[in-house]
Protein backbone atom coordinates (compact mmCIF):
# COMPACT_ATOMS: atom_id res chain seq x y z
CA MET A 1 82.75 288.90 119.27
CA LYS A 2 84.15 286.26 120.16
CA HIS A 3 84.62 283.22 117.29
CA LYS A 4 84.71 279.48 118.64
CA LYS A 5 87.90 277.95 117.93
CA LYS A 6 87.06 274.55 115.90
CA GLY A 7 89.14 271.79 115.38
CA ARG A 8 89.77 270.08 112.08
CA LYS A 9 87.10 268.05 111.06
CA LEU A 10 87.46 264.30 110.01
CA PHE A 11 85.44 262.66 107.42
CA THR A 12 84.76 259.25 108.11
CA TYR A 13 83.10 256.12 105.84
CA GLN A 14 83.08 252.20 106.16
CA ALA A 15 85.44 251.21 102.89
CA ARG A 16 83.75 248.90 100.25
CA ASN A 17 85.25 245.17 99.66
CA ARG A 18 85.97 245.83 96.04
CA ARG A 19 88.43 242.72 95.64
CA VAL A 20 85.88 239.77 94.15
CA PHE A 21 87.88 237.35 95.59
CA SER A 22 87.84 238.01 99.23
CA ASP A 23 86.23 235.85 101.41
CA TYR A 24 83.43 238.80 102.44
CA HIS A 25 82.67 239.42 98.91
CA PRO A 26 78.75 239.06 98.05
CA VAL A 27 79.75 237.32 94.69
CA ARG A 28 82.08 234.92 96.29
CA SER A 29 79.73 233.87 98.91
CA ALA A 30 76.96 233.09 96.19
CA ILE A 31 79.40 231.21 94.23
CA GLY A 32 80.07 228.80 97.42
CA THR A 33 76.57 228.06 97.92
CA ALA A 34 76.02 227.40 94.48
CA VAL A 35 79.00 224.78 94.33
CA THR A 36 77.39 223.45 97.61
CA LEU A 37 74.31 222.72 96.07
CA VAL A 38 75.89 221.36 92.88
CA LEU A 39 78.35 218.83 95.25
CA VAL A 40 75.52 217.53 97.70
CA ALA A 41 73.41 216.59 94.01
CA VAL A 42 76.63 214.89 92.43
CA ILE A 43 76.80 213.34 95.75
CA GLY A 44 73.55 212.06 96.00
CA PHE A 45 72.77 210.71 92.16
CA VAL A 46 76.11 208.98 92.84
CA GLY A 47 74.78 207.43 96.33
CA TYR A 48 71.85 206.33 94.30
CA ASN A 49 72.91 205.07 90.82
CA VAL A 50 75.99 203.03 92.65
CA VAL A 51 75.99 202.26 96.63
CA GLY A 52 72.19 201.91 96.28
CA PRO A 53 72.66 198.44 93.59
CA ILE A 54 75.34 197.54 95.32
CA VAL A 55 73.20 197.62 98.88
CA THR A 56 70.66 196.12 96.75
CA ARG A 57 72.46 193.21 95.62
CA LEU A 58 74.18 192.31 98.65
CA HIS A 59 70.17 191.65 100.52
CA GLU A 60 69.40 189.86 97.79
CA GLU A 61 72.57 187.40 98.44
CA GLU A 62 71.61 187.29 101.96
CA VAL A 63 67.77 186.65 101.45
CA ASN A 64 68.76 184.25 98.05
CA PRO A 65 72.31 183.40 97.60
CA THR A 66 71.35 181.75 94.18
CA ALA A 67 68.63 184.46 92.57
CA THR A 68 71.56 185.05 90.40
CA ALA A 69 74.28 183.02 88.46
CA ASP A 70 77.83 183.60 88.10
CA PRO A 71 79.20 185.85 85.77
CA TYR A 72 81.72 184.80 83.21
CA PHE A 73 85.22 185.60 84.07
CA THR A 74 88.40 184.29 83.37
CA GLU A 75 90.88 182.28 85.48
CA LYS A 76 93.75 184.80 86.03
CA THR A 77 94.09 186.59 89.46
CA VAL A 78 95.96 189.65 90.88
CA ASN A 79 98.67 189.16 93.67
CA GLN A 80 97.87 191.07 95.72
CA GLU A 81 100.81 190.91 98.21
CA THR A 82 102.97 193.13 95.71
CA GLN A 83 100.55 195.11 94.62
CA PRO A 84 100.32 198.99 95.92
CA VAL A 85 97.60 200.08 97.56
CA ALA A 86 95.94 202.92 95.59
CA GLU A 87 95.94 200.03 93.01
CA THR A 88 94.23 197.81 95.22
CA ILE A 89 91.27 199.33 95.93
CA GLU A 90 90.93 200.72 92.37
CA SER A 91 91.25 196.82 91.10
CA VAL A 92 88.54 195.89 93.90
CA THR A 93 86.26 199.09 92.88
CA SER A 94 86.58 198.16 89.06
CA THR A 95 85.84 194.96 89.77
CA THR A 96 82.60 195.02 91.65
CA ILE A 97 81.52 197.29 89.14
CA THR A 98 82.24 194.94 86.33
CA THR A 99 80.91 192.56 88.61
CA MET A 100 77.54 193.92 88.95
CA LEU A 101 77.07 194.90 84.82
CA THR A 102 78.05 191.68 83.81
CA THR A 103 75.56 189.86 86.64
CA GLU A 104 73.07 192.28 85.05
CA GLN A 105 73.80 191.30 81.46
CA THR A 106 73.75 187.53 82.05
CA THR A 107 70.72 187.27 84.78
CA THR A 108 68.11 186.94 82.36
CA ALA A 109 69.59 183.92 80.18
CA THR A 110 69.43 181.77 83.63
CA THR A 111 66.24 179.73 83.92
CA GLU A 112 64.16 179.64 86.73
CA GLU A 113 61.54 176.97 84.80
CA PRO A 114 61.41 173.46 86.92
CA PHE A 115 63.87 170.81 85.21
CA PRO A 116 61.88 168.50 82.57
CA ALA A 117 60.81 165.27 84.49
CA ARG A 118 61.81 163.20 81.87
CA PHE A 119 63.63 160.61 84.30
CA ALA A 120 63.80 160.07 87.41
CA GLU A 121 64.46 163.06 90.00
CA ASP A 122 67.51 161.21 91.42
CA VAL A 123 69.03 160.17 88.61
CA ASP A 124 71.31 162.22 86.41
CA VAL A 125 71.75 161.25 83.05
CA ALA A 126 74.69 162.88 80.82
CA MET A 127 74.68 162.77 77.05
CA LEU A 128 77.94 163.38 75.18
CA VAL A 129 78.10 166.74 73.10
CA SER A 130 79.87 167.53 70.14
CA GLU A 131 83.58 169.10 69.57
CA GLU A 132 81.82 172.35 67.97
CA SER A 133 79.88 172.96 71.78
CA LEU A 134 83.35 174.34 73.14
CA GLU A 135 83.63 176.82 70.29
CA SER A 136 81.84 179.81 72.12
CA LEU A 137 80.25 181.03 74.71
CA ASP A 138 77.14 180.95 72.71
CA SER A 139 77.76 176.96 71.67
CA VAL A 140 78.32 176.12 75.27
CA GLU A 141 74.62 177.65 76.42
CA LYS A 142 73.05 176.23 73.00
CA ALA A 143 74.51 172.33 73.98
CA ALA A 144 73.46 172.91 77.63
CA LYS A 145 69.89 174.15 76.31
CA SER A 146 69.64 171.06 74.11
CA CYS A 147 70.71 168.76 77.28
CA ARG A 148 68.28 170.47 79.57
CA ASP A 149 65.10 170.48 76.72
CA HIS A 150 65.93 166.61 76.67
CA GLY A 151 65.36 166.01 80.12
CA PHE A 152 69.27 165.72 80.85
CA ARG A 153 71.04 166.72 83.88
CA SER A 154 74.13 166.79 82.49
CA MET A 155 76.48 167.03 79.88
CA ILE A 156 79.58 165.24 78.56
CA LEU A 157 82.30 167.78 77.02
CA PRO A 158 85.42 166.34 74.57
CA LEU A 159 87.98 168.70 76.78
CA LYS A 160 91.30 166.42 75.15
CA LEU A 161 90.87 164.94 72.22
CA SER A 162 92.59 161.96 70.92
CA SER A 163 94.76 164.06 68.88
CA GLY A 164 96.15 165.58 72.32
CA LYS A 165 94.75 168.98 71.41
CA LEU A 166 92.84 170.82 74.43
CA GLN A 167 89.42 172.32 73.78
CA TYR A 168 89.86 175.04 76.56
CA ALA A 169 92.39 177.58 77.63
CA SER A 170 94.65 175.74 80.34
CA SER A 171 97.07 176.49 82.95
CA VAL A 172 99.32 173.63 82.54
CA ASP A 173 102.50 175.22 81.17
CA LYS A 174 103.34 172.46 78.80
CA ALA A 175 100.06 171.93 77.59
CA VAL A 176 100.52 175.54 76.29
CA ALA A 177 104.48 174.88 75.15
CA CYS A 178 103.61 172.05 73.04
CA GLY A 179 100.22 173.97 71.32
CA ALA A 180 97.56 171.73 72.88
CA SER A 181 96.13 175.12 74.24
CA ASN A 182 96.09 178.92 74.23
CA ASP A 183 94.76 181.91 75.86
CA SER A 184 91.82 182.61 72.76
CA MET A 185 89.59 179.46 74.16
CA LEU A 186 87.42 179.36 76.58
CA THR A 187 88.21 179.06 80.19
CA LEU A 188 86.92 176.17 82.16
CA ARG A 189 84.99 178.21 84.54
CA GLU A 190 83.49 179.69 81.81
CA ILE A 191 82.64 176.98 80.26
CA VAL A 192 80.80 175.57 83.70
CA ASN A 193 79.33 179.10 84.27
CA ALA A 194 77.58 178.75 80.61
CA ALA A 195 76.03 175.67 81.77
CA LYS A 196 74.58 175.99 85.14
CA ARG A 197 72.50 179.15 83.49
CA TYR A 198 70.45 176.07 82.50
CA GLN A 199 70.97 173.85 85.57
CA VAL A 200 73.19 171.44 83.85
CA SER A 201 76.01 170.29 85.39
CA CYS A 202 79.75 169.88 83.35
CA VAL A 203 81.13 166.31 82.69
CA ALA A 204 84.62 166.23 81.14
CA GLN A 205 85.56 163.66 78.58
CA ILE A 206 89.92 163.53 78.41
CA TYR A 207 91.98 160.92 76.46
CA THR A 208 95.19 159.91 78.19
CA LEU A 209 97.82 158.19 76.13
CA GLU A 210 95.81 158.57 72.58
CA ASP A 211 97.90 161.81 72.35
CA HIS A 212 99.78 162.89 69.40
CA THR A 213 100.67 166.84 70.43
CA PHE A 214 102.71 166.53 73.78
CA PRO A 215 104.72 163.75 72.58
CA ASN A 216 105.55 165.63 69.37
CA TYR A 217 107.25 168.54 70.90
CA PHE A 218 108.85 166.87 73.85
CA MET A 219 110.69 164.02 74.08
CA GLU A 220 109.93 163.23 77.43
CA GLY A 221 106.61 161.43 77.92
CA SER A 222 107.19 160.06 74.09
CA TYR A 223 108.52 156.18 72.81
CA VAL A 224 112.03 156.53 72.44
CA PHE A 225 114.80 154.46 70.28
CA GLU A 226 117.05 152.82 73.22
CA ASP A 227 119.65 154.86 71.33
CA GLY A 228 117.81 157.92 73.15
CA THR A 229 117.78 160.07 70.37
CA THR A 230 115.22 159.00 68.07
CA ARG A 231 111.55 159.42 68.35
CA TRP A 232 109.23 156.64 67.86
CA LEU A 233 106.36 157.03 65.48
CA ASP A 234 103.23 154.35 64.94
CA ASN A 235 103.88 154.63 61.15
CA LYS A 236 106.35 155.78 58.23
CA PRO A 237 106.41 159.85 58.28
CA GLU A 238 105.03 159.96 55.20
CA GLU A 239 102.26 157.93 55.94
CA GLY A 240 100.87 159.77 58.92
CA GLY A 241 103.01 158.22 61.28
CA GLN A 242 102.31 160.12 65.15
CA PRO A 243 104.03 159.94 68.28
CA TRP A 244 102.11 158.43 71.46
CA LEU A 245 102.44 159.16 75.49
CA ASN A 246 104.34 156.60 76.92
CA PRO A 247 103.10 155.29 80.02
CA PHE A 248 106.30 154.41 80.99
CA ASP A 249 107.31 157.86 81.33
CA ALA A 250 107.15 159.91 84.64
CA ALA A 251 106.89 163.01 82.86
CA SER A 252 103.27 161.59 80.70
CA ALA A 253 101.27 160.93 84.13
CA ASP A 254 102.68 163.97 85.56
CA TYR A 255 101.02 165.85 82.59
CA LEU A 256 97.88 164.48 82.26
CA ALA A 257 97.67 164.43 86.12
CA GLY A 258 98.27 168.40 85.60
CA ILE A 259 95.47 168.41 83.30
CA ALA A 260 92.81 166.23 85.57
CA ALA A 261 93.54 168.13 88.75
CA GLU A 262 92.74 171.76 86.74
CA ILE A 263 89.27 170.42 85.99
CA GLN A 264 88.68 168.94 89.03
CA LYS A 265 89.28 172.47 90.28
CA SER A 266 87.24 174.18 87.88
CA GLY A 267 83.78 172.85 88.83
CA PHE A 268 83.44 169.68 86.33
CA THR A 269 81.55 167.02 88.69
CA GLN A 270 83.16 163.94 87.19
CA ILE A 271 86.18 162.90 84.47
CA ILE A 272 86.20 160.40 82.09
CA CYS A 273 89.13 159.13 81.11
CA CYS A 274 89.49 157.43 78.06
CA GLY A 275 92.17 156.05 75.44
CA THR A 276 94.16 154.37 78.32
CA VAL A 277 96.03 152.22 75.63
CA PHE A 278 98.98 151.20 73.83
CA PRO A 279 99.70 151.71 70.19
CA SER A 280 99.54 148.85 67.91
CA PHE A 281 103.45 147.94 67.72
CA PHE A 282 104.95 145.73 65.27
CA HIS A 283 107.24 142.82 66.77
CA SER A 284 110.21 144.55 65.46
CA ASP A 285 109.53 147.44 67.51
CA ALA A 286 110.74 145.65 71.09
CA GLU A 287 114.27 145.48 69.63
CA ILE A 288 114.21 149.34 69.17
CA LEU A 289 112.02 150.12 72.25
CA GLY A 290 112.75 147.32 74.54
CA SER A 291 111.01 144.18 75.28
CA ARG A 292 108.80 145.94 78.15
CA ILE A 293 106.38 146.94 75.32
CA GLU A 294 105.43 143.38 75.33
CA ASP A 295 106.05 142.09 78.65
CA PRO A 296 101.87 141.42 79.81
CA VAL A 297 102.50 142.30 83.62
CA GLN A 298 105.11 145.59 82.81
CA ARG A 299 102.58 146.84 80.81
CA LYS A 300 99.80 146.37 83.00
CA ASP A 301 101.40 148.44 85.08
CA ALA A 302 102.58 151.44 83.39
CA LEU A 303 98.94 151.79 82.56
CA LEU A 304 97.74 151.77 86.18
CA SER A 305 100.86 153.94 87.53
CA VAL A 306 99.06 156.48 85.06
CA LEU A 307 95.43 156.04 85.99
CA ASN A 308 96.40 155.74 89.82
CA ARG A 309 98.90 159.35 89.30
CA ILE A 310 95.31 160.89 87.50
CA SER A 311 93.42 159.78 90.50
CA ASP A 312 95.59 160.76 93.66
CA VAL A 313 94.67 165.07 92.39
CA ALA A 314 91.16 164.28 90.82
CA PRO A 315 89.12 161.83 93.25
CA THR A 316 86.05 162.02 90.69
CA ALA A 317 87.87 160.78 87.53
CA GLY A 318 87.25 157.21 86.95
CA LEU A 319 88.06 154.54 83.82
CA TYR A 320 86.39 154.15 80.49
CA ALA A 321 86.06 150.47 79.38
CA ASP A 322 84.31 148.51 77.16
CA LEU A 323 81.81 145.57 78.30
CA TYR A 324 82.51 143.94 75.38
CA GLU A 325 86.34 144.04 75.57
CA ILE A 326 86.24 143.30 79.02
CA SER A 327 84.12 139.82 78.50
CA GLN A 328 87.33 139.31 75.47
CA GLY A 329 89.93 139.94 78.51
CA THR A 330 91.61 142.80 75.90
CA ALA A 331 90.46 145.90 78.51
CA GLU A 332 94.25 145.86 79.36
CA ALA A 333 93.79 149.12 81.44
CA PHE A 334 90.95 147.55 83.64
CA GLN A 335 92.52 146.00 86.18
CA PRO A 336 89.07 146.50 89.30
CA GLY A 337 91.88 145.19 92.30
CA GLU A 338 94.84 147.55 91.63
CA LEU A 339 92.44 150.11 90.35
CA HIS A 340 92.62 153.72 92.78
CA MET A 341 89.97 155.25 90.76
CA ALA A 342 86.33 154.78 92.53
CA PRO A 343 84.35 155.13 89.79
CA VAL A 344 84.86 153.03 86.33
CA TYR A 345 82.29 154.24 83.15
CA ILE A 346 81.53 150.72 81.31
CA ARG A 347 80.08 151.36 77.62
CA ILE A 348 77.68 149.04 77.40
CA ASN A 349 76.11 148.18 73.42
CA PRO A 350 73.35 145.21 73.53
CA GLU A 351 73.50 144.94 69.85
CA GLU A 352 77.36 143.79 70.40
CA PHE A 353 76.06 140.54 73.23
CA THR A 354 74.73 137.83 71.17
CA GLU A 355 76.58 135.17 72.78
CA PRO A 356 76.90 134.30 75.99
CA LEU A 357 80.09 136.07 77.96
CA PHE A 358 81.92 135.29 81.20
CA ILE A 359 82.90 137.34 83.76
CA GLY A 360 85.48 135.63 85.87
CA GLU A 361 83.45 132.20 86.03
CA GLN A 362 80.17 133.87 86.11
CA ARG A 363 77.98 133.06 82.67
CA PHE A 364 75.60 135.33 81.30
CA ASP A 365 73.74 134.77 78.36
CA PRO A 366 71.22 137.74 77.49
CA GLY A 367 71.55 137.00 73.50
CA SER A 368 67.60 135.97 73.32
CA LEU A 369 66.50 138.43 75.87
CA ALA A 370 64.37 141.34 75.43
CA PHE A 371 65.83 144.79 75.51
CA ARG A 372 64.64 145.91 78.75
CA GLU A 373 65.57 142.39 80.73
CA LYS A 374 69.02 142.41 78.41
CA ILE A 375 70.16 145.72 79.56
CA GLU A 376 70.00 144.55 83.01
CA MET A 377 71.79 141.73 82.63
CA LEU A 378 74.43 143.54 80.92
CA ALA A 379 74.76 146.16 83.63
CA GLU A 380 74.94 143.34 86.24
CA ALA A 381 77.72 142.04 84.55
CA ALA A 382 79.45 145.07 84.27
CA ARG A 383 78.90 145.49 88.06
CA SER A 384 80.26 142.14 88.48
CA ALA A 385 83.57 142.72 86.95
CA SER A 386 84.12 146.07 88.55
CA GLY A 387 84.19 144.40 92.37
CA SER A 388 84.05 147.05 94.89
CA HIS A 389 83.97 150.15 92.15
CA GLU A 390 81.27 151.73 91.40
CA VAL A 391 79.88 151.48 87.85
CA ILE A 392 78.61 153.93 85.81
CA PRO A 393 77.07 152.75 82.72
CA ILE A 394 77.95 154.29 79.30
CA LEU A 395 74.91 153.70 76.59
CA GLN A 396 75.70 153.58 73.09
CA ALA A 397 72.82 155.98 72.32
CA ASP A 398 72.89 156.32 68.30
CA SER A 399 71.48 152.85 68.56
CA LEU A 400 68.61 152.94 70.46
CA THR A 401 65.26 155.04 70.35
CA ASP A 402 64.15 157.44 72.70
CA ALA A 403 61.92 154.79 74.22
CA ASP A 404 64.86 152.45 74.31
CA ILE A 405 66.64 155.37 76.02
CA ASP A 406 64.14 155.90 78.72
CA THR A 407 63.69 152.07 79.39
CA ALA A 408 66.50 151.67 80.06
CA ALA A 409 67.23 154.43 82.38
CA ASP A 410 64.28 153.12 84.24
CA VAL A 411 65.89 149.95 84.45
CA LEU A 412 69.32 150.59 85.49
CA SER A 413 67.36 152.89 88.33
CA GLU A 414 65.56 150.48 89.41
CA ASN A 415 68.81 148.62 89.83
CA GLY A 416 70.31 151.28 91.76
CA PHE A 417 72.86 153.09 88.90
CA LYS A 418 71.95 156.80 89.67
CA LYS A 419 74.51 158.03 87.16
CA ILE A 420 74.09 156.77 83.83
CA CYS A 421 76.17 158.41 80.18
CA LEU A 422 74.71 158.40 76.74
CA GLN A 423 77.33 159.01 73.69
CA GLN A 424 76.78 158.83 70.11
């Protein structure tokens, strides 16, 4: 028997993949699927909670741009030209998220109720509030709410005091250098936005030449002895003598114009310029400061140079003057024919007028008139004195009852005065 030759038997098998991290391992496939599902869930969550509110907010702004009040923010800006692209993108993203959060937190403070109908709808009555109203955002909002509750559409804020101190964080270098302002104070934009939440506008009151802070630090802008080395004070140092801003020095006008310009740009609707006066000089002061401090023409020109410089950069700024002083000829800065400012704010206190007064050659006799007719005559006297300037009456509110204020506002409105101010 022949045996069949057999070749070598070959055993084959499919090798199993024993490397867990191989691309084809079943465990890796399961992990990949799980990770993919997690990523999809995260992207969906982020899209719903971050992108969704942004799209909704943009749609609301397109439909109703005034639906939400502006958030509080400072005046500080970023130089986009020099900032790296990555930092810019990060900054924009951060700002967007921060703005959304701030808006959401502050929207509830904005009132949507109709404005109290105390005065005629086309009349803007403004009330001067206290210095303490600028201590914090809460105090600004409290003052704005009080004004609104009393029917006042604007509030007058004392931004620059007679001491020379500012009540806000200024960006004017010299205001910071002399200690008139610092970064811990509110910014002008924060103040305006806080008032807007109650639909109240902001009017600024600033003291101009009556300033004892700037000239105490800088020799420029102060009254200096003719020898050029000694600063003049309005009294002996041991008796509280203070320096004053000197209108004969251009540095004074430049400093005040810088302050007025930043107030104008921040959203304040008006600026009332008070304290544009000379200190009470002694006759002997002319010997050390020069004869110009006694010359009526040079004094008037110096005051006008300051006011007109402010007007160049702040068109809504106006001079504060007193009607009684105008009638007596002692309102030195009140020179309507040469004053560039469009409005003039004229204080009217009916109690001061018991005798006839003269404006030019025109005689007014309000002494024996009833309150309504007296207000009408005094307002007409103020308008006559101001020529082509817009007159904004300032009433002395602490001498008037609420009924008197309402009556005065009605009379003034009927006679074409659409802006009225009240001071305590």
